Amino acid sequence: MLDSRLSAAARDSALKTRVAWPGLLLAWQSPRWSAALAGAVYLAICLWHQFPPGASNYPYYNYLADAFLHGQLHLRLLPANVGDLVALDGHYYLYWPPLPAVLLMPFVAIFGVGFSDQLFTVALGALNVALVALLVRRADERLALGLSPAQRSLLVLFFALGSVHFPLAGRGRVWETAQLLAFACLALAYLAALSFKGPRAFVLAGLGVAAAALARNNVVLVGLWPAWYLLWSQRERGPRYLLRGTAFGLLPFLGAGLLFGAYNWLRFGSVLDVGLSHHLMAPLFRDDYVQFGAFSLHYLPTNLYYQLLHLPFFGNPLMGGSLFLMSPVWFSIFWAARQRRLRANALALGLTVLLAEVPILLLMGTGWMQFGSRYTLDFTVPLLLLAAQGVRYWPFRAQWLLTAVSIGLFSAGAILLAMFLG
């Protein structure tokens, strides 16, 4: 470990002699400065969308927060756009989990449904960048990855401005808000697993994943790695301790499941019904839904294409985009298992990513309208840890160059979304 730290320090020292702006680059490893820098960019994109920044054109969580404040589960007031809501017996509902609306309740109570969900989402995006800076540093320390400060900084910068998180953070619609909040909860869960020991680690990690699922259900699968890491890192304490820790970690899931089940039962009479059969979906998806349902192998080829191969500059610009070709820093994950002592960790992270991919690849629709494959944000936390393990073996110049390419592509995408969607 000492050798890796010395080599990391030597690499960073060499970088400072070659790069004229190390201070600005290294600011990105600071949670405070990275959040401020990224937040300023996200705010600029937000203001481009709308000035002054009021409610977005799909501020559904504002309206659900208003409904909760008035003691009901269906919308009391109706937004200008009702497409993508659930309509049943003259009432309108959201099919998404309710946690974002719960967090918006104080703001809606003060400012009404016109509260700027766009500014709320910008704040979430800045928070996510700060959490990534913390997570990369903590993973480097606990797993002894041997990253230099410059390598950590570039990873944070890449996530903030060179991944699909960038175009999502400058908007405030229902879809972006849910995904960014789920990401924040997952990042906190991973931080808890890496930061604490004992029952507290199990409870906090479980709480983070359970909260993420109350923002976006399918991300519960991303909880595989924290569960594995806690069991693996504390295995010397014996089976009885691990069973007790597992029970502690599952308690938040039990509570979240009961809450979400009750929420569904009170709305639709079934704990498993989120209202999709009454969903006002776009005509583009209606025929497929009637024939194949919400999840089917029928959607697999389309989803694979738009998530792994499609380049929006050479086709439909709002249907998705290749995870690797648009953010080539992700290619570093294929170096993650190079060091023998980290292979088990790389395998656990890789399985977590693949498990989280299953419902995404089988889902009707690609996440349209979007720039880049926004659904990949669901598993970006374990993907970042894989990249942190792999990028150590890259020449710094390669990491810098591919980060610049990623930032250029997603900067163009953020501008494109502002032009197309307003």
Protein backbone atom coordinates (compact mmCIF):
# COMPACT_ATOMS: atom_id res chain seq x y z
CA MET A 1 0.00 0.00 0.00
CA LEU A 2 2.84 2.38 0.85
CA ASP A 3 4.46 1.77 -2.52
CA SER A 4 1.21 2.58 -4.30
CA ARG A 5 0.84 5.79 -2.29
CA LEU A 6 4.39 6.82 -3.13
CA SER A 7 3.89 6.10 -6.82
CA ALA A 8 0.62 8.04 -6.79
CA ALA A 9 2.34 11.00 -5.16
CA ALA A 10 5.14 10.81 -7.72
CA ARG A 11 2.66 10.79 -10.59
CA ASP A 12 0.84 13.80 -9.20
CA SER A 13 4.10 15.66 -8.61
CA ALA A 14 5.09 15.02 -12.21
CA LEU A 15 1.69 16.24 -13.35
CA LYS A 16 2.17 19.57 -11.58
CA THR A 17 5.36 20.16 -13.52
CA ARG A 18 3.60 19.51 -16.84
CA VAL A 19 0.22 21.19 -16.37
CA ALA A 20 -0.11 24.92 -15.92
CA TRP A 21 -3.46 24.77 -14.12
CA PRO A 22 -3.15 22.02 -11.46
CA GLY A 23 -4.95 24.12 -8.85
CA LEU A 24 -8.15 24.32 -10.91
CA LEU A 25 -7.98 20.64 -11.79
CA LEU A 26 -7.32 19.53 -8.22
CA ALA A 27 -10.25 21.62 -6.98
CA TRP A 28 -12.50 18.90 -8.41
CA GLN A 29 -11.42 16.41 -5.75
CA SER A 30 -12.91 18.74 -3.09
CA PRO A 31 -16.62 18.03 -2.43
CA ARG A 32 -17.28 21.69 -1.76
CA TRP A 33 -15.47 23.09 -4.79
CA SER A 34 -16.62 20.40 -7.20
CA ALA A 35 -20.25 20.97 -6.16
CA ALA A 36 -19.84 24.72 -6.63
CA LEU A 37 -18.17 24.41 -10.04
CA ALA A 38 -20.60 21.81 -11.38
CA GLY A 39 -23.58 23.61 -9.86
CA ALA A 40 -22.61 26.80 -11.67
CA VAL A 41 -22.57 24.94 -15.00
CA TYR A 42 -25.87 23.18 -14.28
CA LEU A 43 -27.45 26.49 -13.29
CA ALA A 44 -26.27 28.10 -16.53
CA ILE A 45 -27.93 25.29 -18.53
CA CYS A 46 -31.07 25.64 -16.42
CA LEU A 47 -31.23 29.39 -17.08
CA TRP A 48 -30.79 28.69 -20.79
CA HIS A 49 -33.85 26.43 -20.63
CA GLN A 50 -35.91 29.06 -18.85
CA PHE A 51 -35.31 32.49 -17.39
CA PRO A 52 -36.30 33.12 -14.71
CA PRO A 53 -36.23 29.43 -13.72
CA GLY A 54 -39.75 28.53 -12.64
CA ALA A 55 -41.44 25.15 -12.73
CA SER A 56 -40.51 22.85 -15.61
CA ASN A 57 -43.00 21.69 -18.23
CA TYR A 58 -43.41 18.40 -16.33
CA PRO A 59 -43.35 19.40 -12.62
CA TYR A 60 -45.41 16.41 -11.51
CA TYR A 61 -43.73 16.03 -8.13
CA ASN A 62 -44.76 19.59 -7.24
CA TYR A 63 -48.37 18.63 -7.82
CA LEU A 64 -48.04 15.38 -5.88
CA ALA A 65 -46.45 17.29 -3.00
CA ASP A 66 -49.46 19.62 -3.08
CA ALA A 67 -51.78 16.60 -2.95
CA PHE A 68 -49.94 15.18 0.06
CA LEU A 69 -50.17 18.53 1.81
CA HIS A 70 -53.94 18.39 1.35
CA GLY A 71 -54.26 14.80 2.58
CA GLN A 72 -54.85 12.99 -0.71
CA LEU A 73 -52.96 10.69 -3.09
CA HIS A 74 -54.42 11.85 -6.41
CA LEU A 75 -53.55 15.26 -7.81
CA ARG A 76 -55.63 18.10 -6.40
CA LEU A 77 -54.49 20.51 -9.12
CA LEU A 78 -53.66 19.51 -12.67
CA PRO A 79 -50.47 20.48 -14.52
CA ALA A 80 -50.65 21.88 -18.03
CA ASN A 81 -49.35 18.56 -19.42
CA VAL A 82 -51.03 15.38 -18.19
CA GLY A 83 -49.32 12.99 -20.61
CA ASP A 84 -47.42 10.21 -18.79
CA LEU A 85 -49.72 10.38 -15.77
CA VAL A 86 -52.13 7.68 -14.64
CA ALA A 87 -55.84 8.47 -15.19
CA LEU A 88 -58.43 6.46 -13.27
CA ASP A 89 -62.02 7.25 -12.28
CA GLY A 90 -61.59 10.95 -12.99
CA HIS A 91 -58.42 11.27 -10.92
CA TYR A 92 -54.78 11.62 -11.93
CA TYR A 93 -51.89 9.83 -10.22
CA LEU A 94 -48.14 9.40 -10.64
CA TYR A 95 -46.82 5.90 -11.28
CA TRP A 96 -43.36 6.84 -9.98
CA PRO A 97 -42.46 6.29 -6.30
CA PRO A 98 -43.25 9.28 -4.06
CA LEU A 99 -40.02 10.20 -2.23
CA PRO A 100 -39.17 13.24 -4.42
CA ALA A 101 -42.62 14.68 -3.73
CA VAL A 102 -42.15 14.15 0.01
CA LEU A 103 -38.91 16.14 -0.09
CA LEU A 104 -40.60 18.89 -2.11
CA MET A 105 -43.47 19.31 0.35
CA PRO A 106 -41.86 22.12 2.43
CA PHE A 107 -41.05 24.11 -0.72
CA VAL A 108 -44.50 23.63 -2.23
CA ALA A 109 -46.08 24.57 1.11
CA ILE A 110 -44.25 27.91 0.95
CA PHE A 111 -44.12 28.69 -2.78
CA GLY A 112 -46.97 26.61 -4.21
CA VAL A 113 -46.88 24.30 -7.23
CA GLY A 114 -45.03 26.98 -9.19
CA PHE A 115 -41.91 26.29 -7.13
CA SER A 116 -38.90 25.78 -9.41
CA ASP A 117 -38.35 22.06 -9.61
CA GLN A 118 -35.57 23.00 -12.03
CA LEU A 119 -33.57 24.72 -9.29
CA PHE A 120 -34.32 21.79 -6.99
CA THR A 121 -32.87 19.41 -9.58
CA VAL A 122 -29.82 21.62 -10.14
CA ALA A 123 -29.18 21.46 -6.39
CA LEU A 124 -29.51 17.67 -6.49
CA GLY A 125 -27.02 17.54 -9.35
CA ALA A 126 -24.48 19.63 -7.44
CA LEU A 127 -24.99 17.44 -4.36
CA ASN A 128 -24.33 14.33 -6.46
CA VAL A 129 -21.00 15.74 -7.64
CA ALA A 130 -19.98 16.41 -4.03
CA LEU A 131 -20.98 12.86 -3.07
CA VAL A 132 -18.94 11.44 -5.96
CA ALA A 133 -15.90 13.40 -4.81
CA LEU A 134 -16.33 11.92 -1.33
CA LEU A 135 -16.97 8.44 -2.69
CA VAL A 136 -13.92 8.37 -4.96
CA ARG A 137 -11.69 9.56 -2.13
CA ARG A 138 -13.14 7.06 0.36
CA ALA A 139 -12.86 4.17 -2.10
CA ASP A 140 -9.26 5.14 -2.82
CA GLU A 141 -8.51 5.06 0.92
CA ARG A 142 -10.41 1.92 1.92
CA LEU A 143 -9.57 -0.18 -1.12
CA ALA A 144 -6.02 1.22 -1.48
CA LEU A 145 -6.51 1.97 -5.16
CA GLY A 146 -3.37 4.12 -5.37
CA LEU A 147 -4.97 6.99 -7.29
CA SER A 148 -3.24 10.34 -7.43
CA PRO A 149 -5.21 13.49 -6.50
CA ALA A 150 -5.19 14.45 -10.18
CA GLN A 151 -6.69 11.11 -11.20
CA ARG A 152 -9.40 11.45 -8.54
CA SER A 153 -10.11 15.00 -9.69
CA LEU A 154 -10.47 13.95 -13.31
CA LEU A 155 -12.91 11.19 -12.36
CA VAL A 156 -15.12 13.70 -10.55
CA LEU A 157 -14.86 16.18 -13.43
CA PHE A 158 -15.71 13.39 -15.87
CA PHE A 159 -18.80 12.41 -13.90
CA ALA A 160 -19.95 16.02 -13.53
CA LEU A 161 -19.56 17.16 -17.13
CA GLY A 162 -18.69 14.11 -19.24
CA SER A 163 -21.38 11.59 -18.30
CA VAL A 164 -25.14 11.41 -18.79
CA HIS A 165 -25.52 13.09 -15.40
CA PHE A 166 -24.67 16.44 -17.06
CA PRO A 167 -27.73 16.88 -19.33
CA LEU A 168 -30.02 15.53 -16.59
CA ALA A 169 -28.86 17.96 -13.90
CA GLY A 170 -29.71 21.09 -15.88
CA ARG A 171 -33.40 20.15 -16.21
CA GLY A 172 -36.14 19.79 -13.64
CA ARG A 173 -38.72 17.44 -15.04
CA VAL A 174 -40.19 14.48 -13.18
CA TRP A 175 -37.87 11.95 -14.80
CA GLU A 176 -34.63 13.80 -14.10
CA THR A 177 -35.60 14.65 -10.54
CA ALA A 178 -36.33 11.00 -9.69
CA GLN A 179 -33.10 9.72 -11.20
CA LEU A 180 -30.87 12.31 -9.57
CA LEU A 181 -32.42 11.73 -6.16
CA ALA A 182 -32.05 7.96 -6.53
CA PHE A 183 -28.38 8.48 -7.45
CA ALA A 184 -27.81 10.61 -4.33
CA CYS A 185 -29.33 7.95 -2.09
CA LEU A 186 -27.24 5.20 -3.69
CA ALA A 187 -24.06 7.25 -3.35
CA LEU A 188 -24.84 7.71 0.36
CA ALA A 189 -25.41 3.96 0.71
CA TYR A 190 -22.04 3.17 -0.88
CA LEU A 191 -20.35 5.81 1.29
CA ALA A 192 -21.90 4.25 4.40
CA ALA A 193 -20.61 0.81 3.43
CA LEU A 194 -17.10 2.19 2.93
CA SER A 195 -17.10 4.50 5.97
CA PHE A 196 -18.59 2.57 8.90
CA LYS A 197 -18.28 -0.72 10.70
CA GLY A 198 -20.68 -2.77 12.76
CA PRO A 199 -24.50 -2.75 12.69
CA ARG A 200 -24.52 0.98 11.88
CA ALA A 201 -22.89 0.29 8.51
CA PHE A 202 -25.55 -2.29 7.60
CA VAL A 203 -28.42 -0.04 8.69
CA LEU A 204 -27.16 3.09 6.94
CA ALA A 205 -26.30 1.27 3.72
CA GLY A 206 -29.69 -0.45 3.75
CA LEU A 207 -31.41 2.85 4.45
CA GLY A 208 -29.68 4.52 1.49
CA VAL A 209 -30.66 1.78 -0.97
CA ALA A 210 -34.22 1.62 0.39
CA ALA A 211 -34.56 5.40 0.02
CA ALA A 212 -33.24 5.17 -3.54
CA ALA A 213 -35.91 2.57 -4.32
CA LEU A 214 -38.58 4.98 -3.04
CA ALA A 215 -37.39 7.39 -5.73
CA ARG A 216 -36.85 4.81 -8.48
CA ASN A 217 -37.83 1.18 -7.80
CA ASN A 218 -35.42 -0.73 -10.01
CA VAL A 219 -32.28 0.72 -8.38
CA VAL A 220 -32.80 -1.61 -5.43
CA LEU A 221 -30.68 -4.03 -7.49
CA VAL A 222 -27.71 -1.67 -7.18
CA GLY A 223 -27.66 -2.57 -3.50
CA LEU A 224 -25.84 -5.83 -4.30
CA TRP A 225 -22.34 -4.34 -3.96
CA PRO A 226 -22.80 -2.64 -0.54
CA ALA A 227 -24.28 -5.90 0.77
CA TRP A 228 -21.37 -7.92 -0.61
CA TYR A 229 -18.74 -5.46 0.61
CA LEU A 230 -20.09 -5.33 4.15
CA LEU A 231 -20.21 -9.12 4.39
CA TRP A 232 -16.79 -9.56 2.79
CA SER A 233 -15.00 -6.81 4.73
CA GLN A 234 -16.33 -8.02 8.10
CA ARG A 235 -16.26 -11.76 7.43
CA GLU A 236 -13.76 -12.39 10.22
CA ARG A 237 -16.46 -11.62 12.80
CA GLY A 238 -18.23 -14.88 12.06
CA PRO A 239 -21.55 -16.11 10.65
CA ARG A 240 -23.70 -15.06 13.61
CA TYR A 241 -22.52 -11.47 13.42
CA LEU A 242 -23.03 -11.38 9.65
CA LEU A 243 -26.55 -12.76 9.95
CA ARG A 244 -27.40 -10.12 12.52
CA GLY A 245 -25.90 -7.41 10.32
CA THR A 246 -27.88 -8.67 7.33
CA ALA A 247 -31.08 -8.51 9.38
CA PHE A 248 -30.28 -4.92 10.38
CA GLY A 249 -29.62 -4.03 6.75
CA LEU A 250 -32.92 -5.55 5.59
CA LEU A 251 -35.03 -3.61 8.09
CA PRO A 252 -35.09 -0.41 5.96
CA PHE A 253 -36.20 -2.49 2.96
CA LEU A 254 -39.05 -3.95 4.97
CA GLY A 255 -40.17 -0.48 6.02
CA ALA A 256 -39.87 0.93 2.50
CA GLY A 257 -41.72 -2.04 1.03
CA LEU A 258 -44.58 -1.66 3.51
CA LEU A 259 -44.85 2.06 2.81
CA PHE A 260 -44.82 1.67 -0.96
CA GLY A 261 -47.22 -1.28 -0.83
CA ALA A 262 -49.66 0.71 1.30
CA TYR A 263 -49.32 3.67 -1.09
CA ASN A 264 -50.26 1.45 -4.05
CA TRP A 265 -53.09 -0.32 -2.20
CA LEU A 266 -54.71 2.95 -1.15
CA ARG A 267 -54.59 4.20 -4.76
CA PHE A 268 -55.30 1.10 -6.84
CA GLY A 269 -56.37 -1.66 -4.46
CA SER A 270 -53.20 -3.74 -4.86
CA VAL A 271 -49.78 -3.49 -3.23
CA LEU A 272 -48.09 -4.30 -6.56
CA ASP A 273 -50.14 -2.06 -8.86
CA VAL A 274 -48.49 1.27 -9.73
CA GLY A 275 -51.17 2.15 -12.28
CA LEU A 276 -49.40 1.27 -15.54
CA SER A 277 -52.56 -0.26 -17.03
CA HIS A 278 -54.14 3.23 -16.87
CA HIS A 279 -50.99 5.07 -17.93
CA LEU A 280 -51.43 7.90 -20.46
CA MET A 281 -48.37 6.82 -22.41
CA ALA A 282 -47.24 8.30 -25.71
CA PRO A 283 -48.84 6.70 -28.81
CA LEU A 284 -45.31 5.64 -29.81
CA PHE A 285 -45.39 3.02 -27.02
CA ARG A 286 -49.07 2.07 -26.78
CA ASP A 287 -49.15 -0.76 -29.34
CA ASP A 288 -46.00 -2.39 -27.93
CA TYR A 289 -47.37 -2.17 -24.40
CA VAL A 290 -50.65 -3.82 -25.38
CA GLN A 291 -48.83 -6.64 -27.19
CA PHE A 292 -45.73 -7.18 -25.04
CA GLY A 293 -46.28 -5.43 -21.70
CA ALA A 294 -43.87 -3.14 -19.87
CA PHE A 295 -40.98 -5.67 -19.77
CA SER A 296 -40.16 -8.08 -22.57
CA LEU A 297 -37.28 -9.60 -24.52
CA HIS A 298 -38.91 -7.93 -27.51
CA TYR A 299 -37.35 -4.63 -26.43
CA LEU A 300 -33.84 -6.03 -25.93
CA PRO A 301 -32.36 -5.36 -29.41
CA THR A 302 -33.62 -1.77 -29.48
CA ASN A 303 -32.38 -1.02 -25.97
CA LEU A 304 -28.98 -2.57 -26.65
CA TYR A 305 -28.58 -0.50 -29.78
CA TYR A 306 -29.51 2.83 -28.21
CA GLN A 307 -27.52 2.18 -25.04
CA LEU A 308 -24.32 0.76 -26.55
CA LEU A 309 -24.07 1.71 -30.24
CA HIS A 310 -26.15 4.78 -31.11
CA LEU A 311 -24.45 8.13 -31.67
CA PRO A 312 -27.03 10.94 -31.53
CA PHE A 313 -25.05 13.13 -33.93
CA PHE A 314 -25.63 10.57 -36.70
CA GLY A 315 -29.26 9.68 -36.07
CA ASN A 316 -32.14 10.57 -33.80
CA PRO A 317 -30.52 12.98 -31.31
CA LEU A 318 -33.05 12.37 -28.53
CA MET A 319 -33.30 8.58 -28.38
CA GLY A 320 -30.20 7.81 -26.33
CA GLY A 321 -26.54 7.26 -26.96
CA SER A 322 -23.69 4.82 -26.50
CA LEU A 323 -22.50 4.50 -22.91
CA PHE A 324 -18.88 3.92 -23.95
CA LEU A 325 -18.56 5.91 -27.19
CA MET A 326 -20.02 9.06 -25.66
CA SER A 327 -18.20 8.69 -22.34
CA PRO A 328 -15.02 6.81 -23.34
CA VAL A 329 -13.56 7.08 -19.83
CA TRP A 330 -15.90 4.17 -19.01
CA PHE A 331 -13.58 1.91 -21.04
CA SER A 332 -11.33 2.01 -17.96
CA ILE A 333 -13.63 -0.49 -16.23
CA PHE A 334 -12.02 -3.25 -18.31
CA TRP A 335 -8.76 -2.64 -16.41
CA ALA A 336 -10.47 -2.92 -13.00
CA ALA A 337 -9.54 -6.57 -12.39
CA ARG A 338 -5.88 -6.18 -13.34
CA GLN A 339 -4.67 -6.33 -9.74
CA ARG A 340 -5.29 -9.72 -8.12
CA ARG A 341 -6.27 -8.45 -4.67
CA LEU A 342 -9.06 -6.31 -6.20
CA ARG A 343 -10.49 -8.93 -8.55
CA ALA A 344 -13.20 -10.06 -6.15
CA ASN A 345 -14.27 -6.45 -5.69
CA ALA A 346 -14.27 -5.87 -9.45
CA LEU A 347 -16.38 -8.99 -9.94
CA ALA A 348 -18.92 -7.85 -7.32
CA LEU A 349 -19.14 -4.39 -8.90
CA GLY A 350 -19.47 -5.87 -12.38
CA LEU A 351 -22.25 -8.23 -11.29
CA THR A 352 -24.05 -5.31 -9.68
CA VAL A 353 -23.91 -3.35 -12.94
CA LEU A 354 -25.12 -6.33 -14.97
CA LEU A 355 -27.93 -7.08 -12.53
CA ALA A 356 -29.11 -3.46 -12.64
CA GLU A 357 -28.97 -3.60 -16.45
CA VAL A 358 -31.49 -6.44 -16.72
CA PRO A 359 -34.73 -4.47 -16.14
CA ILE A 360 -33.36 -1.53 -18.14
CA LEU A 361 -32.67 -3.66 -21.21
CA LEU A 362 -36.09 -5.34 -20.99
CA LEU A 363 -38.04 -2.11 -20.47
CA MET A 364 -40.40 -0.65 -23.06
CA GLY A 365 -38.80 2.56 -24.31
CA THR A 366 -35.24 3.82 -24.17
CA GLY A 367 -35.81 6.82 -21.90
CA TRP A 368 -36.81 9.09 -24.80
CA MET A 369 -36.49 12.11 -24.94
CA GLN A 370 -32.86 12.19 -23.79
CA PHE A 371 -29.29 12.82 -24.86
CA GLY A 372 -27.18 9.85 -23.92
CA SER A 373 -28.69 6.83 -22.25
CA ARG A 374 -30.14 8.33 -19.07
CA TYR A 375 -31.13 4.94 -17.65
CA THR A 376 -27.44 4.10 -17.25
CA LEU A 377 -27.33 6.63 -14.42
CA ASP A 378 -29.10 3.95 -12.36
CA PHE A 379 -25.89 1.91 -12.16
CA THR A 380 -23.34 4.72 -12.45
CA VAL A 381 -22.29 4.48 -8.77
CA PRO A 382 -20.79 0.97 -9.11
CA LEU A 383 -19.56 1.88 -12.59
CA LEU A 384 -17.61 4.78 -11.09
CA LEU A 385 -15.96 2.49 -8.55
CA LEU A 386 -14.97 0.13 -11.36
CA ALA A 387 -13.53 3.07 -13.30
CA ALA A 388 -11.63 4.20 -10.20
CA GLN A 389 -10.03 0.75 -9.99
CA GLY A 390 -9.17 0.67 -13.68
CA VAL A 391 -8.06 4.18 -14.49
CA ARG A 392 -4.98 3.84 -12.28
CA TYR A 393 -3.41 1.74 -15.04
CA TRP A 394 -3.96 4.36 -17.74
CA PRO A 395 -1.42 7.02 -18.65
CA PHE A 396 -2.66 10.28 -17.21
CA ARG A 397 -2.61 11.85 -20.67
CA ALA A 398 -5.11 9.22 -21.89
CA GLN A 399 -7.46 9.86 -18.98
CA TRP A 400 -7.24 13.62 -19.57
CA LEU A 401 -7.87 13.29 -23.32
CA LEU A 402 -10.87 10.96 -22.99
CA THR A 403 -12.33 13.14 -20.25
CA ALA A 404 -12.07 16.14 -22.60
CA VAL A 405 -13.83 14.15 -25.37
CA SER A 406 -16.61 13.15 -22.98
CA ILE A 407 -17.10 16.73 -21.79
CA GLY A 408 -17.21 18.00 -25.37
CA LEU A 409 -19.89 15.49 -26.39
CA PHE A 410 -22.13 16.07 -23.39
CA SER A 411 -21.71 19.84 -23.51
CA ALA A 412 -23.04 19.67 -27.05
CA GLY A 413 -25.84 17.44 -25.78
CA ALA A 414 -26.87 19.81 -23.01
CA ILE A 415 -27.06 22.63 -25.57
CA LEU A 416 -28.96 20.39 -28.00
CA LEU A 417 -31.57 19.58 -25.35
CA ALA A 418 -31.99 23.26 -24.55
CA MET A 419 -32.58 23.98 -28.24
CA PHE A 420 -34.96 21.09 -28.89
CA LEU A 421 -36.90 20.97 -25.61
CA GLY A 422 -36.68 24.51 -24.33
